[in-house]
Amino acid sequence: MDKFASTSSARLFLAVVPDARTAERIHRVAGVLKRAHKFDGKLIAPDRLHVSLFSLSGLPDRQLCAARDAATELRTAPFEVSFDRTASFRGRGNRPFVLIGEKGLRRLQSFRQMLGVAMARRGLRRIANTNFTPHVTLLYDARGVDEYPVEPVVWTVTEFVLVHSQRGHRHLARWCLRA
């Protein structure tokens, strides 16, 4: 796992990412909603839009290898996701303004659960047992808004990636979905 050795000060996480065309569409919708809600926050760049699955930050190399092995063993067909609402998450300081959904995200939730089981089998139970609210963060703002319906944003998840987040996102590894 030597290519991960220099990542100790950065965030590492497993994620699904929209294809480039969908990411551009999400970014355009986010711009319209930013103006409509009068947000001041900066939009997340299209190449940084993602749904986080599991954080791997701070893990020793042995556990990073175990997470990589769990990701490699996973077998599932590509699946569709659909986000049909926006909302602001609660919190202190800048609040995430996000895309969320419900019925259109069940396959994603199932996929994450399968990945969590594979990780737990490799000794990563603590990471695998974290809560999960599937979302795509659009921007951060001091103000928050209630849930708001939007035209569904849909894409087919065909892979998941290991993201190194430090002054941008770099995909260190990717795993294609296949049955």
Protein backbone atom coordinates (compact mmCIF):
# COMPACT_ATOMS: atom_id res chain seq x y z
CA MET A 1 0.00 0.00 0.00
CA ASP A 2 3.02 2.23 -0.51
CA LYS A 3 1.21 4.79 -2.65
CA PHE A 4 -0.92 5.60 0.41
CA ALA A 5 2.10 6.15 2.69
CA SER A 6 2.17 9.92 2.15
CA THR A 7 -1.54 10.39 2.88
CA SER A 8 -1.39 10.58 6.68
CA SER A 9 -2.26 14.29 6.84
CA ALA A 10 -5.05 14.04 4.25
CA ARG A 11 -8.55 12.67 4.27
CA LEU A 12 -8.98 9.24 2.75
CA PHE A 13 -12.40 7.84 2.02
CA LEU A 14 -14.29 5.41 -0.17
CA ALA A 15 -16.93 7.07 -2.34
CA VAL A 16 -19.16 6.81 -5.35
CA VAL A 17 -18.87 9.66 -7.82
CA PRO A 18 -21.20 10.84 -10.55
CA ASP A 19 -20.03 10.63 -14.15
CA ALA A 20 -18.68 13.92 -15.55
CA ARG A 21 -21.91 14.85 -17.35
CA THR A 22 -24.03 14.28 -14.22
CA ALA A 23 -21.50 16.17 -12.08
CA GLU A 24 -21.82 19.18 -14.40
CA ARG A 25 -25.63 18.96 -14.18
CA ILE A 26 -25.47 18.79 -10.36
CA HIS A 27 -23.17 21.81 -10.34
CA ARG A 28 -25.57 23.82 -12.56
CA VAL A 29 -28.55 22.90 -10.35
CA ALA A 30 -26.53 23.83 -7.26
CA GLY A 31 -25.79 27.25 -8.80
CA VAL A 32 -29.48 27.90 -9.42
CA LEU A 33 -30.36 26.81 -5.88
CA LYS A 34 -27.54 28.88 -4.39
CA ARG A 35 -29.01 32.00 -5.98
CA ALA A 36 -32.60 31.04 -5.07
CA HIS A 37 -31.69 30.48 -1.40
CA LYS A 38 -29.33 33.49 -1.35
CA PHE A 39 -26.41 31.39 -0.07
CA ASP A 40 -22.95 32.93 0.18
CA GLY A 41 -21.03 29.63 0.27
CA LYS A 42 -18.78 28.50 -2.55
CA LEU A 43 -20.12 25.71 -4.77
CA ILE A 44 -18.32 22.37 -4.63
CA ALA A 45 -16.46 21.87 -7.92
CA PRO A 46 -17.91 19.22 -10.25
CA ASP A 47 -14.81 17.01 -9.95
CA ARG A 48 -15.20 16.94 -6.14
CA LEU A 49 -18.88 15.91 -6.03
CA HIS A 50 -19.30 12.49 -4.41
CA VAL A 51 -21.19 10.32 -1.94
CA SER A 52 -18.89 9.28 0.92
CA LEU A 53 -19.19 5.62 1.89
CA PHE A 54 -16.52 5.11 4.57
CA SER A 55 -13.78 7.29 6.02
CA LEU A 56 -10.37 5.60 6.08
CA SER A 57 -8.41 8.57 7.44
CA GLY A 58 -5.83 7.80 10.08
CA LEU A 59 -5.77 4.04 9.53
CA PRO A 60 -2.46 2.21 9.68
CA ASP A 61 -1.22 0.59 6.45
CA ARG A 62 -2.35 -2.87 7.57
CA GLN A 63 -5.95 -1.68 7.92
CA LEU A 64 -5.80 0.27 4.64
CA CYS A 65 -4.75 -2.99 2.98
CA ALA A 66 -7.69 -4.76 4.64
CA ALA A 67 -10.07 -2.09 3.32
CA ARG A 68 -8.58 -2.46 -0.17
CA ASP A 69 -9.04 -6.24 0.00
CA ALA A 70 -12.67 -5.81 1.10
CA ALA A 71 -13.29 -3.45 -1.82
CA THR A 72 -11.66 -5.86 -4.25
CA GLU A 73 -13.80 -8.81 -3.12
CA LEU A 74 -17.12 -7.01 -3.52
CA ARG A 75 -19.28 -8.28 -6.38
CA THR A 76 -22.44 -6.45 -7.35
CA ALA A 77 -23.95 -5.22 -10.58
CA PRO A 78 -24.03 -1.49 -11.40
CA PHE A 79 -27.08 0.25 -9.97
CA GLU A 80 -28.96 3.51 -10.29
CA VAL A 81 -29.16 6.26 -7.68
CA SER A 82 -31.70 9.07 -7.61
CA PHE A 83 -31.56 12.20 -5.46
CA ASP A 84 -34.83 14.15 -5.40
CA ARG A 85 -34.53 16.72 -2.59
CA THR A 86 -32.16 19.26 -1.14
CA ALA A 87 -31.74 20.17 2.51
CA SER A 88 -29.30 21.73 4.93
CA PHE A 89 -27.78 19.44 7.52
CA ARG A 90 -27.74 20.74 11.05
CA GLY A 91 -24.48 21.70 12.68
CA ARG A 92 -22.34 24.49 14.00
CA GLY A 93 -20.68 26.94 11.68
CA ASN A 94 -21.07 26.30 7.99
CA ARG A 95 -23.86 23.87 7.29
CA PRO A 96 -23.71 21.42 4.39
CA PHE A 97 -26.39 22.06 1.75
CA VAL A 98 -26.93 18.66 0.15
CA LEU A 99 -28.80 16.50 -2.32
CA ILE A 100 -30.69 13.71 -0.57
CA GLY A 101 -33.31 11.14 -1.45
CA GLU A 102 -35.02 8.07 -0.11
CA LYS A 103 -36.42 5.37 -2.38
CA GLY A 104 -33.87 6.12 -5.09
CA LEU A 105 -31.00 5.42 -2.71
CA ARG A 106 -31.96 2.00 -1.35
CA ARG A 107 -29.56 0.15 -3.68
CA LEU A 108 -26.77 2.50 -2.58
CA GLN A 109 -27.55 1.79 1.06
CA SER A 110 -27.54 -1.95 0.33
CA PHE A 111 -24.21 -1.63 -1.52
CA ARG A 112 -22.65 0.21 1.41
CA GLN A 113 -23.95 -2.42 3.82
CA MET A 114 -22.35 -5.20 1.70
CA LEU A 115 -19.06 -3.29 1.64
CA GLY A 116 -19.32 -2.82 5.41
CA VAL A 117 -19.79 -6.57 5.94
CA ALA A 118 -16.71 -7.26 3.80
CA MET A 119 -14.72 -4.71 5.82
CA ALA A 120 -15.94 -6.14 9.15
CA ARG A 121 -14.78 -9.62 8.06
CA ARG A 122 -11.31 -8.11 7.70
CA GLY A 123 -11.24 -6.59 11.17
CA LEU A 124 -12.64 -3.15 10.32
CA ARG A 125 -15.88 -3.49 12.29
CA ARG A 126 -15.48 -0.06 13.95
CA ILE A 127 -15.40 1.67 10.57
CA ALA A 128 -18.13 -0.52 9.07
CA ASN A 129 -20.62 0.25 11.84
CA THR A 130 -20.83 3.99 11.23
CA ASN A 131 -24.11 5.72 10.40
CA PHE A 132 -24.88 6.51 6.79
CA THR A 133 -27.06 9.24 5.30
CA PRO A 134 -26.42 9.16 1.55
CA HIS A 135 -25.94 12.68 0.22
CA VAL A 136 -23.99 14.84 -2.20
CA THR A 137 -22.73 18.06 -0.63
CA LEU A 138 -23.32 21.04 -2.93
CA LEU A 139 -21.89 23.84 -0.77
CA TYR A 140 -21.42 24.96 2.84
CA ASP A 141 -23.20 28.03 4.18
CA ALA A 142 -23.88 29.69 7.53
CA ARG A 143 -27.58 29.70 6.70
CA GLY A 144 -29.72 26.61 6.46
CA VAL A 145 -32.92 25.80 4.59
CA ASP A 146 -35.62 23.18 4.93
CA GLU A 147 -36.03 20.23 2.59
CA TYR A 148 -36.96 21.23 -0.93
CA PRO A 149 -37.97 18.93 -3.82
CA VAL A 150 -35.91 19.06 -7.01
CA GLU A 151 -36.12 17.31 -10.34
CA PRO A 152 -34.44 13.95 -9.65
CA VAL A 153 -30.73 13.73 -10.33
CA VAL A 154 -30.09 10.19 -11.52
CA TRP A 155 -26.96 8.30 -12.50
CA THR A 156 -25.79 4.72 -12.73
CA VAL A 157 -23.06 3.80 -10.25
CA THR A 158 -20.54 1.70 -12.17
CA GLU A 159 -17.58 1.99 -9.80
CA PHE A 160 -16.42 3.26 -6.45
CA VAL A 161 -13.15 4.96 -5.63
CA LEU A 162 -10.62 5.62 -2.90
CA VAL A 163 -10.34 9.39 -2.63
CA HIS A 164 -7.33 11.28 -1.30
CA SER A 165 -8.61 14.72 -0.31
CA GLN A 166 -5.98 17.38 0.18
CA ARG A 167 -6.12 20.52 -1.96
CA GLY A 168 -8.36 18.68 -4.41
CA HIS A 169 -9.52 15.12 -4.87
CA ARG A 170 -7.28 12.43 -6.29
CA HIS A 171 -8.58 8.93 -6.96
CA LEU A 172 -5.94 6.52 -5.66
CA ALA A 173 -7.84 3.34 -6.58
CA ARG A 174 -11.07 2.39 -8.32
CA TRP A 175 -13.17 -0.74 -8.35
CA CYS A 176 -15.61 -1.45 -11.19
CA LEU A 177 -18.97 -2.93 -10.24
CA ARG A 178 -19.67 -6.29 -11.82
CA ALA A 179 -21.98 -9.13 -10.92
